[in-house]
């Protein structure tokens, strides 16, 4: 083989290698695009989402339920990252709804405590966690579509710990999608930070009310701290009804 032929063969090999590299880059790019588009819908990026059958709340309006003119008013201050709050949600809240909200005796309002648990995490670890306030703001956004309580249900159903990413922005959006919310409206609300000032006001109001633990409840002006059992609620509600 002459020197010229060797040069031509070398150039052909180089061209083949360049073509193969170019094809490889195109294929890899296509695979990456496919992964970005498909995997979020499979729950691989956001993780599997637990679903729960929502307990119907009578006369639900945003973060309140029941008759606004009911003789007993209960204000709950809680944090979606709080395990005790989840315990109240699953064990006690349904009994209050069944026995007192449905019967028109109790008007129940759920409010956040701002960024409380996230702030505690940040103090301990030096992090910048905002899951508490993000989840609260997302809940109020769901309330714009009168799905606050359903969204509350799915948040607690997917609570696995504190500061572990259960309420990252991606997860909060995925929960809304799972509930069938209008995603354009929800994402516009959430991404604009529409309700962060409301969440901050929750924190101010809870502190002014003497709330220091989550959950805490104000029943006709009387403060009860912690995930108190239904029997304590029953006594307080009946006493309030008797004192009308």
Protein backbone atom coordinates (compact mmCIF):
# COMPACT_ATOMS: atom_id res chain seq x y z
CA UNK A 1 0.00 0.00 0.00
CA UNK A 2 1.41 3.35 -1.04
CA UNK A 3 1.85 6.24 1.32
CA UNK A 4 -1.04 8.07 -0.37
CA UNK A 5 -3.34 5.08 0.03
CA UNK A 6 -2.42 4.81 3.70
CA UNK A 7 -3.31 8.47 4.20
CA UNK A 8 -6.69 7.99 2.48
CA UNK A 9 -7.44 4.93 4.62
CA UNK A 10 -6.51 6.84 7.76
CA UNK A 11 -8.85 9.69 6.83
CA UNK A 12 -11.70 7.21 6.14
CA UNK A 13 -11.20 5.62 9.57
CA UNK A 14 -11.20 9.03 11.23
CA UNK A 15 -14.41 9.98 9.38
CA UNK A 16 -16.09 6.71 10.43
CA UNK A 17 -15.12 7.32 14.05
CA UNK A 18 -16.44 10.90 13.89
CA UNK A 19 -19.73 9.68 12.38
CA UNK A 20 -20.09 7.05 15.10
CA UNK A 21 -19.38 9.62 17.82
CA UNK A 22 -21.93 12.01 16.31
CA UNK A 23 -24.56 9.27 16.10
CA UNK A 24 -23.81 8.27 19.68
CA UNK A 25 -24.27 11.84 20.90
CA UNK A 26 -27.60 12.13 19.07
CA UNK A 27 -28.86 8.80 20.48
CA UNK A 28 -27.75 9.71 24.00
CA UNK A 29 -29.45 13.10 23.74
CA UNK A 30 -32.67 11.47 22.56
CA UNK A 31 -32.55 9.02 25.47
CA UNK A 32 -32.04 11.83 27.97
CA UNK A 33 -34.98 13.79 26.54
CA UNK A 34 -37.15 10.65 26.73
CA UNK A 35 -36.15 10.06 30.35
CA UNK A 36 -36.94 13.65 31.33
CA UNK A 37 -40.38 13.44 29.68
CA UNK A 38 -41.40 9.95 30.78
CA UNK A 39 -39.87 9.18 34.17
CA UNK A 40 -41.65 11.94 36.15
CA UNK A 41 -44.96 10.48 34.99
CA UNK A 42 -43.86 7.07 36.25
CA UNK A 43 -43.10 8.49 39.69
CA UNK A 44 -39.38 7.62 39.47
CA UNK A 45 -38.09 11.15 39.98
CA UNK A 46 -40.68 12.10 42.58
CA UNK A 47 -41.07 8.71 44.21
CA UNK A 48 -44.24 6.65 44.55
CA UNK A 49 -47.26 8.56 45.81
CA UNK A 50 -49.51 6.99 48.41
CA UNK A 51 -53.19 7.69 47.89
CA UNK A 52 -55.90 7.87 50.51
CA UNK A 53 -59.67 8.00 50.41
CA UNK A 54 -60.58 11.46 51.64
CA UNK A 55 -62.98 11.81 54.53
CA UNK A 56 -65.76 14.12 53.27
CA UNK A 57 -65.83 17.43 55.15
CA UNK A 58 -69.24 19.15 55.37
CA UNK A 59 -69.51 22.72 54.15
CA UNK A 60 -65.81 22.76 53.21
CA UNK A 61 -64.52 26.13 52.07
CA UNK A 62 -60.77 26.52 51.60
CA UNK A 63 -59.13 25.56 54.93
CA UNK A 64 -62.38 25.57 56.93
CA UNK A 65 -65.24 23.14 57.32
CA UNK A 66 -68.61 23.24 58.99
CA UNK A 67 -71.15 25.96 59.69
CA UNK A 68 -69.42 29.33 60.30
CA UNK A 69 -72.26 30.10 62.74
CA UNK A 70 -71.69 26.94 64.79
CA UNK A 71 -71.59 27.61 68.56
CA UNK A 72 -68.12 26.03 68.93
CA UNK A 73 -65.15 27.12 66.87
CA UNK A 74 -61.92 25.13 66.75
CA UNK A 75 -58.74 26.51 65.25
CA UNK A 76 -55.99 23.99 64.67
CA UNK A 77 -52.38 25.14 64.21
CA UNK A 78 -50.27 22.39 62.69
CA UNK A 79 -47.35 21.52 60.42
CA UNK A 80 -47.56 18.97 57.62
CA UNK A 81 -44.15 17.58 58.63
CA UNK A 82 -45.33 16.98 62.21
CA UNK A 83 -45.90 13.26 63.09
CA UNK A 84 -48.26 14.19 65.94
CA UNK A 85 -50.32 16.26 63.49
CA UNK A 86 -50.61 13.25 61.21
CA UNK A 87 -51.70 11.15 64.18
CA UNK A 88 -54.46 13.66 65.00
CA UNK A 89 -55.50 13.66 61.35
CA UNK A 90 -55.92 9.91 61.16
CA UNK A 91 -57.18 9.10 64.68
CA UNK A 92 -59.15 12.07 65.99
CA UNK A 93 -60.19 14.44 63.23
CA UNK A 94 -62.67 12.00 61.63
CA UNK A 95 -64.46 11.60 64.98
CA UNK A 96 -64.75 15.38 65.39
CA UNK A 97 -66.12 15.65 61.87
CA UNK A 98 -68.65 12.87 62.37
CA UNK A 99 -69.88 13.88 65.81
CA UNK A 100 -69.66 17.65 65.80
CA UNK A 101 -68.95 19.21 62.40
CA UNK A 102 -71.64 17.26 60.55
CA UNK A 103 -74.16 18.06 63.26
CA UNK A 104 -73.56 21.80 62.94
CA UNK A 105 -72.04 22.16 66.42
CA UNK A 106 -68.42 22.83 65.42
CA UNK A 107 -66.76 25.08 62.87
CA UNK A 108 -63.20 23.82 62.27
CA UNK A 109 -60.33 25.78 60.73
CA UNK A 110 -56.86 24.44 59.99
CA UNK A 111 -53.92 26.88 59.86
CA UNK A 112 -50.20 26.45 59.48
CA UNK A 113 -47.41 27.42 61.85
CA UNK A 114 -45.31 28.98 59.14
CA UNK A 115 -41.98 27.25 58.62
CA UNK A 116 -41.79 25.92 62.18
CA UNK A 117 -40.42 22.38 61.83
CA UNK A 118 -38.20 23.37 58.92
CA UNK A 119 -36.77 26.19 61.03
CA UNK A 120 -35.99 23.73 63.82
CA UNK A 121 -34.25 21.46 61.32
CA UNK A 122 -32.27 24.40 59.97
CA UNK A 123 -31.16 25.44 63.45
CA UNK A 124 -29.90 21.93 64.19
CA UNK A 125 -28.27 21.14 60.85
CA UNK A 126 -27.48 24.55 59.35
CA UNK A 127 -29.62 23.74 56.31
CA UNK A 128 -32.13 25.84 54.39
CA UNK A 129 -35.21 23.62 54.57
CA UNK A 130 -38.55 25.19 53.61
CA UNK A 131 -40.79 22.11 53.36
CA UNK A 132 -43.13 23.27 56.14
CA UNK A 133 -44.00 26.61 54.58
CA UNK A 134 -43.97 25.18 51.05
CA UNK A 135 -46.50 22.49 51.97
CA UNK A 136 -48.70 25.04 53.75
CA UNK A 137 -48.64 27.40 50.77
CA UNK A 138 -49.42 24.51 48.40
CA UNK A 139 -52.37 23.57 50.59
CA UNK A 140 -53.80 27.07 50.29
CA UNK A 141 -53.30 26.89 46.51
CA UNK A 142 -55.33 23.66 46.48
CA UNK A 143 -57.93 25.56 48.51
CA UNK A 144 -58.39 27.92 45.57
CA UNK A 145 -59.94 24.91 43.82
CA UNK A 146 -61.80 23.94 47.02
CA UNK A 147 -59.54 20.91 47.41
CA UNK A 148 -57.73 21.99 50.57
CA UNK A 149 -58.87 19.03 52.65
CA UNK A 150 -58.22 16.48 49.92
CA UNK A 151 -54.73 17.94 49.51
CA UNK A 152 -54.23 17.84 53.28
CA UNK A 153 -55.15 14.15 53.17
CA UNK A 154 -52.60 13.30 50.48
CA UNK A 155 -49.87 15.30 52.24
CA UNK A 156 -50.31 13.43 55.50
CA UNK A 157 -50.64 10.11 53.66
CA UNK A 158 -47.19 10.74 52.17
CA UNK A 159 -45.48 12.03 55.31
CA UNK A 160 -42.52 9.75 56.13
CA UNK A 161 -40.36 12.00 58.30
CA UNK A 162 -39.08 15.50 58.86
CA UNK A 163 -36.88 17.22 56.30
CA UNK A 164 -36.66 14.13 54.11
CA UNK A 165 -38.05 15.64 50.88
CA UNK A 166 -41.67 14.52 51.19
CA UNK A 167 -42.72 18.10 50.49
CA UNK A 168 -40.21 19.21 47.90
CA UNK A 169 -41.58 21.44 45.16
CA UNK A 170 -41.65 18.52 42.73
CA UNK A 171 -43.57 16.33 45.17
CA UNK A 172 -46.07 19.06 46.04
CA UNK A 173 -46.85 19.52 42.35
CA UNK A 174 -47.08 15.74 41.87
CA UNK A 175 -49.64 15.49 44.68
CA UNK A 176 -51.81 18.12 43.00
CA UNK A 177 -51.60 16.23 39.73
CA UNK A 178 -52.55 13.00 41.49
CA UNK A 179 -55.69 14.72 42.83
CA UNK A 180 -56.65 15.89 39.36
CA UNK A 181 -56.35 19.59 40.12
CA UNK A 182 -56.16 22.17 37.36
CA UNK A 183 -52.37 22.12 37.07
CA UNK A 184 -52.05 25.39 35.23
CA UNK A 185 -53.85 27.21 38.04
CA UNK A 186 -52.11 25.27 40.81
CA UNK A 187 -48.59 25.73 39.45
CA UNK A 188 -49.24 29.40 38.76
CA UNK A 189 -50.37 29.87 42.36
CA UNK A 190 -47.55 27.83 43.89
CA UNK A 191 -44.70 29.10 41.72
CA UNK A 192 -45.74 32.73 42.18
CA UNK A 193 -45.55 32.40 45.98
CA UNK A 194 -49.12 33.68 46.25
CA UNK A 195 -49.72 32.38 49.77
CA UNK A 196 -46.35 32.76 51.46
CA UNK A 197 -47.48 35.96 53.17
CA UNK A 198 -50.53 34.11 54.48
CA UNK A 199 -48.32 31.32 55.82
CA UNK A 200 -46.08 33.90 57.50
CA UNK A 201 -49.17 35.48 59.09
CA UNK A 202 -50.18 32.05 60.39
CA UNK A 203 -46.85 31.92 62.22
CA UNK A 204 -47.37 35.38 63.72
CA UNK A 205 -50.93 34.58 64.81
CA UNK A 206 -50.01 31.21 66.31
CA UNK A 207 -47.26 32.79 68.39
CA UNK A 208 -49.59 35.57 69.52
CA UNK A 209 -52.09 32.90 70.61
CA UNK A 210 -49.45 31.22 72.75
CA UNK A 211 -49.04 28.23 70.46
CA UNK A 212 -45.64 26.61 70.94
CA UNK A 213 -46.30 22.97 70.01
CA UNK A 214 -47.75 21.26 66.98
CA UNK A 215 -50.52 20.53 66.77
CA UNK A 216 -52.30 22.95 69.06
CA UNK A 217 -56.00 23.78 69.19
CA UNK A 218 -57.98 26.79 70.29
CA UNK A 219 -61.50 25.75 71.27
CA UNK A 220 -63.72 28.78 71.85
CA UNK A 221 -60.67 30.72 72.99
CA UNK A 222 -59.13 28.00 75.19
CA UNK A 223 -55.72 26.65 74.17
CA UNK A 224 -55.01 22.90 74.10
CA UNK A 225 -51.49 21.73 73.25
CA UNK A 226 -50.47 18.54 71.46
CA UNK A 227 -52.33 15.69 69.77
CA UNK A 228 -54.94 15.41 72.48
CA UNK A 229 -57.34 12.42 72.26
CA UNK A 230 -60.91 12.69 71.11
CA UNK A 231 -62.21 12.38 74.68
CA UNK A 232 -60.51 15.68 75.60
CA UNK A 233 -62.09 17.38 72.60
CA UNK A 234 -65.43 15.90 73.56
CA UNK A 235 -65.22 17.29 77.09
CA UNK A 236 -64.16 20.73 75.88
CA UNK A 237 -66.82 20.88 73.16
CA UNK A 238 -69.60 19.69 75.46
CA UNK A 239 -68.53 22.21 78.11
CA UNK A 240 -68.58 24.98 75.51
CA UNK A 241 -72.02 23.88 74.32
CA UNK A 242 -73.34 23.79 77.87
CA UNK A 243 -72.05 27.27 78.52
CA UNK A 244 -73.81 28.91 75.58
